[in-house]
Amino acid sequence: MVLGLATLVRPTSLLAAPLLVLMGPRPWWKAAARAAVATLLALVVVAPWTLRNCRATNGGWNLAIGAISDTGRFDTLRAGDGCPIVTGQVQQDRCWAAVGRARIKADAWRWIGLMPKKLGHTFDHESFPIEYLREADPRSWPESRRVAGRGLLTLFHRLLLVAAAFSLVSFVSPSSREAKKQYSQWALLLAIVGAATYAFADIRHPFFWLPTLLPLAALLPLPGRPTHGPVGRYLFALIAATALTHAVFFGDDRYHLVVTPVLCILAAAALRREVDRSAADG
């Protein structure tokens, strides 16, 4: 029910309900059953909103923006983009959905090629909190303070992404006799440090690769890797769902705020000591 209420604020929160299967205790069929019940309850909560969307919705509009815009960010659509004559929001939304699908089918590689831009706008920086404050009280946020505030938030966000990536790395005791564990974990540590250094040094600051690849890297069967357990699997899945959503539609840094608490939890789990795998999964 909480996820259903969250969906009323942010529609893509509904994706978090079926992902609960990753948190359930085994056997998997019981975890799937619990996730199905949670998803059903969330759908019941949002049913009135869904019925409202039969009269007014904007999913097609967002798909068209992601397919038409060259920037990878939100851009206002105009009649000349493909829907010159429409009546009402529903007809408009369906028209834009058709336009978006047609553009994607006509040039799928262009659409795929825009995904790094969309993810970059989503994860590379953080400025919208400052912009909201400035819009509410412009006199308290002159340009110098605005720039400084955006810079401070962006720096913290980037450091948080790096710290969260270190949750993939296990601290292997130097006294460990298993060389494979030490070598694999040191290699992963150096890879993350190298990626972070490149992101800081490059003028485009492509930090989006860290959260985008984080869920995939967590699946690698590296010797000595930390055991994330059910909660960890769920957190990585939430990041993956967020990245996938904005790769399909469009990106802006305000959309990563929903996973900032997730990044904080993962950052707190950075460089953990290796634990017993069976105990952690139980």
C-alpha atoms as a PDB file:
ATOM      1  CA  MET A   1       0.000   0.000   0.000  1.00  0.00           C
ATOM      2  CA  VAL A   2       2.914   2.333   0.710  1.00  0.00           C
ATOM      3  CA  LEU A   3       4.265   1.647  -2.772  1.00  0.00           C
ATOM      4  CA  GLY A   4       0.817   2.378  -4.166  1.00  0.00           C
ATOM      5  CA  LEU A   5       0.793   5.766  -2.422  1.00  0.00           C
ATOM      6  CA  ALA A   6       4.330   6.423  -3.682  1.00  0.00           C
ATOM      7  CA  THR A   7       3.103   5.654  -7.202  1.00  0.00           C
ATOM      8  CA  LEU A   8       0.559   8.452  -6.915  1.00  0.00           C
ATOM      9  CA  VAL A   9       3.514  10.817  -6.452  1.00  0.00           C
ATOM     10  CA  ARG A  10       5.925   9.171  -8.887  1.00  0.00           C
ATOM     11  CA  PRO A  11       4.349   6.666 -11.318  1.00  0.00           C
ATOM     12  CA  THR A  12       7.507   4.623 -11.887  1.00  0.00           C
ATOM     13  CA  SER A  13       7.519   3.729  -8.175  1.00  0.00           C
ATOM     14  CA  LEU A  14       5.133   0.948  -9.179  1.00  0.00           C
ATOM     15  CA  LEU A  15       8.128  -0.899 -10.637  1.00  0.00           C
ATOM     16  CA  ALA A  16       9.432  -1.348  -7.088  1.00  0.00           C
ATOM     17  CA  ALA A  17       6.540  -3.678  -6.157  1.00  0.00           C
ATOM     18  CA  PRO A  18       7.360  -6.699  -8.358  1.00  0.00           C
ATOM     19  CA  LEU A  19      11.044  -6.245  -7.510  1.00  0.00           C
ATOM     20  CA  LEU A  20      10.159  -7.339  -3.961  1.00  0.00           C
ATOM     21  CA  VAL A  21      10.635 -10.879  -5.270  1.00  0.00           C
ATOM     22  CA  LEU A  22      14.362 -10.255  -4.819  1.00  0.00           C
ATOM     23  CA  MET A  23      13.915  -9.647  -1.081  1.00  0.00           C
ATOM     24  CA  GLY A  24      11.764 -12.650  -0.243  1.00  0.00           C
ATOM     25  CA  PRO A  25      13.209 -15.736   1.435  1.00  0.00           C
ATOM     26  CA  ARG A  26      13.624 -18.803  -0.703  1.00  0.00           C
ATOM     27  CA  PRO A  27      12.053 -20.885  -2.223  1.00  0.00           C
ATOM     28  CA  TRP A  28      11.564 -18.453  -5.088  1.00  0.00           C
ATOM     29  CA  TRP A  29       7.918 -19.331  -5.673  1.00  0.00           C
ATOM     30  CA  LYS A  30       7.036 -18.049  -2.183  1.00  0.00           C
ATOM     31  CA  ALA A  31       8.962 -14.837  -2.799  1.00  0.00           C
ATOM     32  CA  ALA A  32       7.166 -14.443  -6.138  1.00  0.00           C
ATOM     33  CA  ALA A  33       3.788 -14.974  -4.460  1.00  0.00           C
ATOM     34  CA  ARG A  34       4.529 -12.286  -1.848  1.00  0.00           C
ATOM     35  CA  ALA A  35       5.684  -9.879  -4.550  1.00  0.00           C
ATOM     36  CA  ALA A  36       2.523 -10.595  -6.554  1.00  0.00           C
ATOM     37  CA  VAL A  37       0.326  -9.789  -3.542  1.00  0.00           C
ATOM     38  CA  ALA A  38       2.265  -6.564  -2.916  1.00  0.00           C
ATOM     39  CA  THR A  39       1.898  -5.574  -6.569  1.00  0.00           C
ATOM     40  CA  LEU A  40      -1.846  -6.295  -6.480  1.00  0.00           C
ATOM     41  CA  LEU A  41      -2.311  -4.142  -3.365  1.00  0.00           C
ATOM     42  CA  ALA A  42      -0.338  -1.311  -4.969  1.00  0.00           C
ATOM     43  CA  LEU A  43      -2.544  -1.545  -8.060  1.00  0.00           C
ATOM     44  CA  VAL A  44      -5.672  -1.365  -5.896  1.00  0.00           C
ATOM     45  CA  VAL A  45      -4.377   1.850  -4.323  1.00  0.00           C
ATOM     46  CA  VAL A  46      -3.686   3.460  -7.712  1.00  0.00           C
ATOM     47  CA  ALA A  47      -6.874   2.187  -9.383  1.00  0.00           C
ATOM     48  CA  PRO A  48      -8.705   5.553  -9.078  1.00  0.00           C
ATOM     49  CA  TRP A  49      -5.690   7.321 -10.566  1.00  0.00           C
ATOM     50  CA  THR A  50      -5.601   4.742 -13.376  1.00  0.00           C
ATOM     51  CA  LEU A  51      -9.259   5.366 -14.146  1.00  0.00           C
ATOM     52  CA  ARG A  52      -8.522   9.090 -14.222  1.00  0.00           C
ATOM     53  CA  ASN A  53      -5.778   8.391 -16.747  1.00  0.00           C
ATOM     54  CA  CYS A  54      -8.379   6.966 -19.083  1.00  0.00           C
ATOM     55  CA  ARG A  55      -9.373  10.620 -19.476  1.00  0.00           C
ATOM     56  CA  ALA A  56      -6.010  12.388 -19.130  1.00  0.00           C
ATOM     57  CA  THR A  57      -2.495  10.940 -19.310  1.00  0.00           C
ATOM     58  CA  ASN A  58       1.012  11.808 -20.518  1.00  0.00           C
ATOM     59  CA  GLY A  59       2.895   8.545 -21.069  1.00  0.00           C
ATOM     60  CA  GLY A  60       2.801   8.906 -24.852  1.00  0.00           C
ATOM     61  CA  TRP A  61       3.974  12.510 -24.618  1.00  0.00           C
ATOM     62  CA  ASN A  62       7.054  11.418 -22.639  1.00  0.00           C
ATOM     63  CA  LEU A  63       7.847   8.615 -25.074  1.00  0.00           C
ATOM     64  CA  ALA A  64       7.675  11.040 -27.992  1.00  0.00           C
ATOM     65  CA  ILE A  65       9.990  13.505 -26.232  1.00  0.00           C
ATOM     66  CA  GLY A  66      12.554  10.752 -25.726  1.00  0.00           C
ATOM     67  CA  ALA A  67      12.304   9.721 -29.368  1.00  0.00           C
ATOM     68  CA  ILE A  68      12.264  13.182 -30.984  1.00  0.00           C
ATOM     69  CA  SER A  69      14.475  15.398 -28.826  1.00  0.00           C
ATOM     70  CA  ASP A  70      18.190  15.514 -29.667  1.00  0.00           C
ATOM     71  CA  THR A  71      19.178  16.715 -26.186  1.00  0.00           C
ATOM     72  CA  GLY A  72      18.049  13.698 -24.154  1.00  0.00           C
ATOM     73  CA  ARG A  73      16.205  16.072 -21.789  1.00  0.00           C
ATOM     74  CA  PHE A  74      12.651  17.325 -21.549  1.00  0.00           C
ATOM     75  CA  ASP A  75      11.641  19.376 -24.559  1.00  0.00           C
ATOM     76  CA  THR A  76       8.247  20.846 -25.396  1.00  0.00           C
ATOM     77  CA  LEU A  77       6.582  19.118 -28.317  1.00  0.00           C
ATOM     78  CA  ARG A  78       4.890  21.175 -31.008  1.00  0.00           C
ATOM     79  CA  ALA A  79       2.198  20.424 -33.532  1.00  0.00           C
ATOM     80  CA  GLY A  80       4.791  20.297 -36.295  1.00  0.00           C
ATOM     81  CA  ASP A  81       6.504  17.379 -34.552  1.00  0.00           C
ATOM     82  CA  GLY A  82       3.713  15.042 -35.585  1.00  0.00           C
ATOM     83  CA  CYS A  83       0.332  15.793 -33.994  1.00  0.00           C
ATOM     84  CA  PRO A  84      -1.115  18.902 -35.668  1.00  0.00           C
ATOM     85  CA  ILE A  85      -4.803  18.133 -35.039  1.00  0.00           C
ATOM     86  CA  VAL A  86      -5.914  16.495 -31.781  1.00  0.00           C
ATOM     87  CA  THR A  87      -8.890  16.905 -29.454  1.00  0.00           C
ATOM     88  CA  GLY A  88      -8.427  16.449 -25.718  1.00  0.00           C
ATOM     89  CA  GLN A  89      -5.553  15.069 -23.673  1.00  0.00           C
ATOM     90  CA  VAL A  90      -6.270  11.396 -24.288  1.00  0.00           C
ATOM     91  CA  GLN A  91      -6.301  11.724 -28.073  1.00  0.00           C
ATOM     92  CA  GLN A  92      -3.200  13.910 -27.859  1.00  0.00           C
ATOM     93  CA  ASP A  93      -1.391  11.375 -25.696  1.00  0.00           C
ATOM     94  CA  ARG A  94      -2.262   8.466 -27.990  1.00  0.00           C
ATOM     95  CA  CYS A  95      -1.147  10.460 -30.996  1.00  0.00           C
ATOM     96  CA  TRP A  96       2.215  11.256 -29.397  1.00  0.00           C
ATOM     97  CA  ALA A  97       2.634   7.631 -28.339  1.00  0.00           C
ATOM     98  CA  ALA A  98       2.142   6.591 -31.960  1.00  0.00           C
ATOM     99  CA  VAL A  99       4.601   9.252 -33.118  1.00  0.00           C
ATOM    100  CA  GLY A 100       7.166   8.107 -30.557  1.00  0.00           C
ATOM    101  CA  ARG A 101       6.882   4.452 -31.569  1.00  0.00           C
ATOM    102  CA  ALA A 102       7.112   5.360 -35.227  1.00  0.00           C
ATOM    103  CA  ARG A 103      10.268   7.431 -34.692  1.00  0.00           C
ATOM    104  CA  ILE A 104      11.874   4.612 -32.729  1.00  0.00           C
ATOM    105  CA  LYS A 105      11.017   2.028 -35.387  1.00  0.00           C
ATOM    106  CA  ALA A 106      12.247   4.302 -38.165  1.00  0.00           C
ATOM    107  CA  ASP A 107      15.677   4.814 -36.572  1.00  0.00           C
ATOM    108  CA  ALA A 108      16.170   2.552 -33.572  1.00  0.00           C
ATOM    109  CA  TRP A 109      19.941   3.096 -33.532  1.00  0.00           C
ATOM    110  CA  ARG A 110      19.503   6.855 -33.136  1.00  0.00           C
ATOM    111  CA  TRP A 111      17.146   6.262 -30.212  1.00  0.00           C
ATOM    112  CA  ILE A 112      19.613   3.861 -28.601  1.00  0.00           C
ATOM    113  CA  GLY A 113      22.439   6.306 -29.271  1.00  0.00           C
ATOM    114  CA  LEU A 114      20.597   8.973 -27.251  1.00  0.00           C
ATOM    115  CA  MET A 115      20.520   6.785 -24.138  1.00  0.00           C
ATOM    116  CA  PRO A 116      23.956   7.882 -22.841  1.00  0.00           C
ATOM    117  CA  LYS A 117      22.801  11.511 -23.104  1.00  0.00           C
ATOM    118  CA  LYS A 118      19.595  10.725 -21.208  1.00  0.00           C
ATOM    119  CA  LEU A 119      21.465   8.850 -18.492  1.00  0.00           C
ATOM    120  CA  GLY A 120      24.060  11.625 -18.337  1.00  0.00           C
ATOM    121  CA  HIS A 121      21.361  14.233 -17.670  1.00  0.00           C
ATOM    122  CA  THR A 122      19.915  11.899 -15.032  1.00  0.00           C
ATOM    123  CA  PHE A 123      23.055  10.994 -13.086  1.00  0.00           C
ATOM    124  CA  ASP A 124      25.977  13.287 -13.972  1.00  0.00           C
ATOM    125  CA  HIS A 125      25.078  16.290 -11.834  1.00  0.00           C
ATOM    126  CA  GLU A 126      22.592  17.689  -9.317  1.00  0.00           C
ATOM    127  CA  SER A 127      21.074  21.144  -9.719  1.00  0.00           C
ATOM    128  CA  PHE A 128      17.296  20.977  -9.472  1.00  0.00           C
ATOM    129  CA  PRO A 129      17.059  21.406  -5.659  1.00  0.00           C
ATOM    130  CA  ILE A 130      18.852  24.744  -6.000  1.00  0.00           C
ATOM    131  CA  GLU A 131      16.672  25.728  -8.949  1.00  0.00           C
ATOM    132  CA  TYR A 132      13.515  24.984  -6.946  1.00  0.00           C
ATOM    133  CA  LEU A 133      14.761  27.141  -4.050  1.00  0.00           C
ATOM    134  CA  ARG A 134      15.724  29.937  -6.417  1.00  0.00           C
ATOM    135  CA  GLU A 135      12.338  29.859  -8.099  1.00  0.00           C
ATOM    136  CA  ALA A 136      10.624  30.096  -4.712  1.00  0.00           C
ATOM    137  CA  ASP A 137      12.815  32.961  -3.456  1.00  0.00           C
ATOM    138  CA  PRO A 138      14.947  34.519  -6.230  1.00  0.00           C
ATOM    139  CA  ARG A 139      16.346  37.291  -4.008  1.00  0.00           C
ATOM    140  CA  SER A 140      17.923  34.764  -1.646  1.00  0.00           C
ATOM    141  CA  TRP A 141      19.677  33.033  -4.526  1.00  0.00           C
ATOM    142  CA  PRO A 142      21.754  35.494  -6.573  1.00  0.00           C
ATOM    143  CA  GLU A 143      23.761  34.004  -9.424  1.00  0.00           C
ATOM    144  CA  SER A 144      26.965  33.516  -7.413  1.00  0.00           C
ATOM    145  CA  ARG A 145      25.177  31.614  -4.641  1.00  0.00           C
ATOM    146  CA  ARG A 146      23.175  29.631  -7.181  1.00  0.00           C
ATOM    147  CA  VAL A 147      26.332  28.506  -8.991  1.00  0.00           C
ATOM    148  CA  ALA A 148      28.081  27.663  -5.715  1.00  0.00           C
ATOM    149  CA  GLY A 149      25.077  25.684  -4.469  1.00  0.00           C
ATOM    150  CA  ARG A 150      24.790  23.691  -7.663  1.00  0.00           C
ATOM    151  CA  GLY A 151      28.507  22.960  -7.553  1.00  0.00           C
ATOM    152  CA  LEU A 152      28.371  21.770  -3.945  1.00  0.00           C
ATOM    153  CA  LEU A 153      25.398  19.473  -4.521  1.00  0.00           C
ATOM    154  CA  THR A 154      26.957  18.089  -7.696  1.00  0.00           C
ATOM    155  CA  LEU A 155      30.240  17.329  -5.933  1.00  0.00           C
ATOM    156  CA  PHE A 156      28.457  15.521  -3.105  1.00  0.00           C
ATOM    157  CA  HIS A 157      26.349  13.549  -5.587  1.00  0.00           C
ATOM    158  CA  ARG A 158      29.391  12.447  -7.583  1.00  0.00           C
ATOM    159  CA  LEU A 159      31.283  11.399  -4.471  1.00  0.00           C
ATOM    160  CA  LEU A 160      28.206   9.459  -3.372  1.00  0.00           C
ATOM    161  CA  LEU A 161      28.115   7.609  -6.694  1.00  0.00           C
ATOM    162  CA  VAL A 162      31.750   6.610  -6.274  1.00  0.00           C
ATOM    163  CA  ALA A 163      31.242   5.527  -2.660  1.00  0.00           C
ATOM    164  CA  ALA A 164      28.190   3.459  -3.663  1.00  0.00           C
ATOM    165  CA  ALA A 165      30.235   1.739  -6.365  1.00  0.00           C
ATOM    166  CA  PHE A 166      32.687   0.598  -3.679  1.00  0.00           C
ATOM    167  CA  SER A 167      29.871  -1.522  -2.225  1.00  0.00           C
ATOM    168  CA  LEU A 168      30.846  -4.004  -4.939  1.00  0.00           C
ATOM    169  CA  VAL A 169      34.278  -4.439  -3.411  1.00  0.00           C
ATOM    170  CA  SER A 170      35.017  -6.693  -0.468  1.00  0.00           C
ATOM    171  CA  PHE A 171      37.836  -6.013   1.962  1.00  0.00           C
ATOM    172  CA  VAL A 172      39.963  -9.142   1.794  1.00  0.00           C
ATOM    173  CA  SER A 173      42.311  -9.538   4.720  1.00  0.00           C
ATOM    174  CA  PRO A 174      45.991  -9.300   3.721  1.00  0.00           C
ATOM    175  CA  SER A 175      46.516 -12.509   5.658  1.00  0.00           C
ATOM    176  CA  SER A 176      44.116 -14.379   3.416  1.00  0.00           C
ATOM    177  CA  ARG A 177      45.751 -17.286   1.637  1.00  0.00           C
ATOM    178  CA  GLU A 178      43.333 -17.165  -1.276  1.00  0.00           C
ATOM    179  CA  ALA A 179      45.208 -15.121  -3.862  1.00  0.00           C
ATOM    180  CA  LYS A 180      42.310 -15.187  -6.319  1.00  0.00           C
ATOM    181  CA  LYS A 181      40.148 -13.242  -3.898  1.00  0.00           C
ATOM    182  CA  GLN A 182      42.783 -10.599  -3.323  1.00  0.00           C
ATOM    183  CA  TYR A 183      43.591 -10.175  -7.006  1.00  0.00           C
ATOM    184  CA  SER A 184      39.947  -9.980  -8.154  1.00  0.00           C
ATOM    185  CA  GLN A 185      38.927  -7.484  -5.472  1.00  0.00           C
ATOM    186  CA  TRP A 186      41.981  -5.304  -6.012  1.00  0.00           C
ATOM    187  CA  ALA A 187      41.315  -5.349  -9.761  1.00  0.00           C
ATOM    188  CA  LEU A 188      37.707  -4.286  -9.206  1.00  0.00           C
ATOM    189  CA  LEU A 189      38.796  -1.561  -6.784  1.00  0.00           C
ATOM    190  CA  LEU A 190      41.287  -0.178  -9.294  1.00  0.00           C
ATOM    191  CA  ALA A 191      38.679  -0.324 -12.071  1.00  0.00           C
ATOM    192  CA  ILE A 192      36.261   1.791 -10.022  1.00  0.00           C
ATOM    193  CA  VAL A 193      38.995   4.251  -9.062  1.00  0.00           C
ATOM    194  CA  GLY A 194      39.999   4.502 -12.725  1.00  0.00           C
ATOM    195  CA  ALA A 195      36.403   5.081 -13.868  1.00  0.00           C
ATOM    196  CA  ALA A 196      35.881   7.730 -11.191  1.00  0.00           C
ATOM    197  CA  THR A 197      39.141   9.481 -12.046  1.00  0.00           C
ATOM    198  CA  TYR A 198      38.198   9.560 -15.726  1.00  0.00           C
ATOM    199  CA  ALA A 199      34.734  10.918 -14.899  1.00  0.00           C
ATOM    200  CA  PHE A 200      36.204  13.715 -12.778  1.00  0.00           C
ATOM    201  CA  ALA A 201      38.859  14.565 -15.387  1.00  0.00           C
ATOM    202  CA  ASP A 202      36.723  14.440 -18.528  1.00  0.00           C
ATOM    203  CA  ILE A 203      35.031  17.720 -19.421  1.00  0.00           C
ATOM    204  CA  ARG A 204      31.693  15.910 -19.854  1.00  0.00           C
ATOM    205  CA  HIS A 205      31.974  14.236 -16.413  1.00  0.00           C
ATOM    206  CA  PRO A 206      30.321  10.941 -17.451  1.00  0.00           C
ATOM    207  CA  PHE A 207      29.486   9.623 -13.988  1.00  0.00           C
ATOM    208  CA  PHE A 208      26.344   7.919 -15.284  1.00  0.00           C
ATOM    209  CA  TRP A 209      28.354   4.801 -16.113  1.00  0.00           C
ATOM    210  CA  LEU A 210      28.772   4.052 -12.406  1.00  0.00           C
ATOM    211  CA  PRO A 211      25.072   3.684 -11.460  1.00  0.00           C
ATOM    212  CA  THR A 212      24.217   2.201 -14.856  1.00  0.00           C
ATOM    213  CA  LEU A 213      26.757  -0.619 -14.612  1.00  0.00           C
ATOM    214  CA  LEU A 214      26.495  -1.047 -10.836  1.00  0.00           C
ATOM    215  CA  PRO A 215      23.587  -3.568 -10.956  1.00  0.00           C
ATOM    216  CA  LEU A 216      25.288  -5.571 -13.714  1.00  0.00           C
ATOM    217  CA  ALA A 217      28.643  -5.608 -11.923  1.00  0.00           C
ATOM    218  CA  ALA A 218      26.910  -6.906  -8.795  1.00  0.00           C
ATOM    219  CA  LEU A 219      26.071 -10.068 -10.738  1.00  0.00           C
ATOM    220  CA  LEU A 220      29.683 -10.873 -11.595  1.00  0.00           C
ATOM    221  CA  PRO A 221      30.816 -14.099  -9.845  1.00  0.00           C
ATOM    222  CA  LEU A 222      34.155 -12.638  -8.774  1.00  0.00           C
ATOM    223  CA  PRO A 223      36.114 -14.513  -6.100  1.00  0.00           C
ATOM    224  CA  GLY A 224      35.751 -12.830  -2.725  1.00  0.00           C
ATOM    225  CA  ARG A 225      32.946 -10.519  -3.797  1.00  0.00           C
ATOM    226  CA  PRO A 226      30.732  -9.247  -0.974  1.00  0.00           C
ATOM    227  CA  THR A 227      27.401 -10.927  -0.347  1.00  0.00           C
ATOM    228  CA  HIS A 228      24.625  -8.408  -0.817  1.00  0.00           C
ATOM    229  CA  GLY A 229      21.735 -10.578   0.285  1.00  0.00           C
ATOM    230  CA  PRO A 230      18.041  -9.867  -0.379  1.00  0.00           C
ATOM    231  CA  VAL A 231      18.175  -6.168   0.544  1.00  0.00           C
ATOM    232  CA  GLY A 232      21.209  -5.565  -1.658  1.00  0.00           C
ATOM    233  CA  ARG A 233      19.581  -7.305  -4.613  1.00  0.00           C
ATOM    234  CA  TYR A 234      16.519  -5.093  -4.200  1.00  0.00           C
ATOM    235  CA  LEU A 235      18.568  -1.892  -4.011  1.00  0.00           C
ATOM    236  CA  PHE A 236      20.530  -2.730  -7.154  1.00  0.00           C
ATOM    237  CA  ALA A 237      17.275  -3.554  -8.938  1.00  0.00           C
ATOM    238  CA  LEU A 238      15.824  -0.147  -7.982  1.00  0.00           C
ATOM    239  CA  ILE A 239      18.843   1.589  -9.523  1.00  0.00           C
ATOM    240  CA  ALA A 240      18.531  -0.555 -12.645  1.00  0.00           C
ATOM    241  CA  ALA A 241      14.816   0.239 -12.975  1.00  0.00           C
ATOM    242  CA  THR A 242      15.509   3.973 -12.650  1.00  0.00           C
ATOM    243  CA  ALA A 243      18.277   3.880 -15.257  1.00  0.00           C
ATOM    244  CA  LEU A 244      16.179   1.827 -17.680  1.00  0.00           C
ATOM    245  CA  THR A 245      13.150   4.112 -17.306  1.00  0.00           C
ATOM    246  CA  HIS A 246      15.072   7.258 -18.196  1.00  0.00           C
ATOM    247  CA  ALA A 247      17.076   5.575 -20.937  1.00  0.00           C
ATOM    248  CA  VAL A 248      13.734   4.860 -22.630  1.00  0.00           C
ATOM    249  CA  PHE A 249      12.094   8.252 -22.023  1.00  0.00           C
ATOM    250  CA  PHE A 250      14.305  11.250 -21.145  1.00  0.00           C
ATOM    251  CA  GLY A 251      16.580  12.355 -18.324  1.00  0.00           C
ATOM    252  CA  ASP A 252      17.003  15.219 -15.866  1.00  0.00           C
ATOM    253  CA  ASP A 253      18.915  15.241 -12.619  1.00  0.00           C
ATOM    254  CA  ARG A 254      15.761  15.548 -10.498  1.00  0.00           C
ATOM    255  CA  TYR A 255      14.912  11.964 -11.440  1.00  0.00           C
ATOM    256  CA  HIS A 256      17.899  10.485  -9.598  1.00  0.00           C
ATOM    257  CA  LEU A 257      16.794  11.983  -6.272  1.00  0.00           C
ATOM    258  CA  VAL A 258      14.501   9.008  -5.685  1.00  0.00           C
ATOM    259  CA  VAL A 259      17.488   6.630  -5.526  1.00  0.00           C
ATOM    260  CA  THR A 260      19.763   8.931  -3.511  1.00  0.00           C
ATOM    261  CA  PRO A 261      18.807   7.097  -0.257  1.00  0.00           C
ATOM    262  CA  VAL A 262      19.643   3.824  -2.033  1.00  0.00           C
ATOM    263  CA  LEU A 263      23.071   5.192  -2.940  1.00  0.00           C
ATOM    264  CA  CYS A 264      23.596   6.249   0.685  1.00  0.00           C
ATOM    265  CA  ILE A 265      22.861   2.722   1.929  1.00  0.00           C
ATOM    266  CA  LEU A 266      25.228   1.205  -0.634  1.00  0.00           C
ATOM    267  CA  ALA A 267      27.909   3.760   0.250  1.00  0.00           C
ATOM    268  CA  ALA A 268      27.595   2.717   3.896  1.00  0.00           C
ATOM    269  CA  ALA A 269      28.279  -0.865   2.766  1.00  0.00           C
ATOM    270  CA  ALA A 270      31.488   0.031   0.901  1.00  0.00           C
ATOM    271  CA  LEU A 271      34.562  -2.155   1.375  1.00  0.00           C
ATOM    272  CA  ARG A 272      32.909  -4.580   3.771  1.00  0.00           C
ATOM    273  CA  ARG A 273      34.710  -7.599   5.082  1.00  0.00           C
ATOM    274  CA  GLU A 274      33.741 -10.862   3.451  1.00  0.00           C
ATOM    275  CA  VAL A 275      30.972 -12.659   5.344  1.00  0.00           C
ATOM    276  CA  ASP A 276      29.587 -16.140   5.257  1.00  0.00           C
ATOM    277  CA  ARG A 277      27.459 -16.365   2.120  1.00  0.00           C
ATOM    278  CA  SER A 278      24.933 -18.895   3.399  1.00  0.00           C
ATOM    279  CA  ALA A 279      24.241 -16.849   6.552  1.00  0.00           C
ATOM    280  CA  ALA A 280      23.775 -13.634   4.580  1.00  0.00           C
ATOM    281  CA  ASP A 281      21.358 -15.194   2.083  1.00  0.00           C
ATOM    282  CA  GLY A 282      19.317 -16.882   4.808  1.00  0.00           C
END
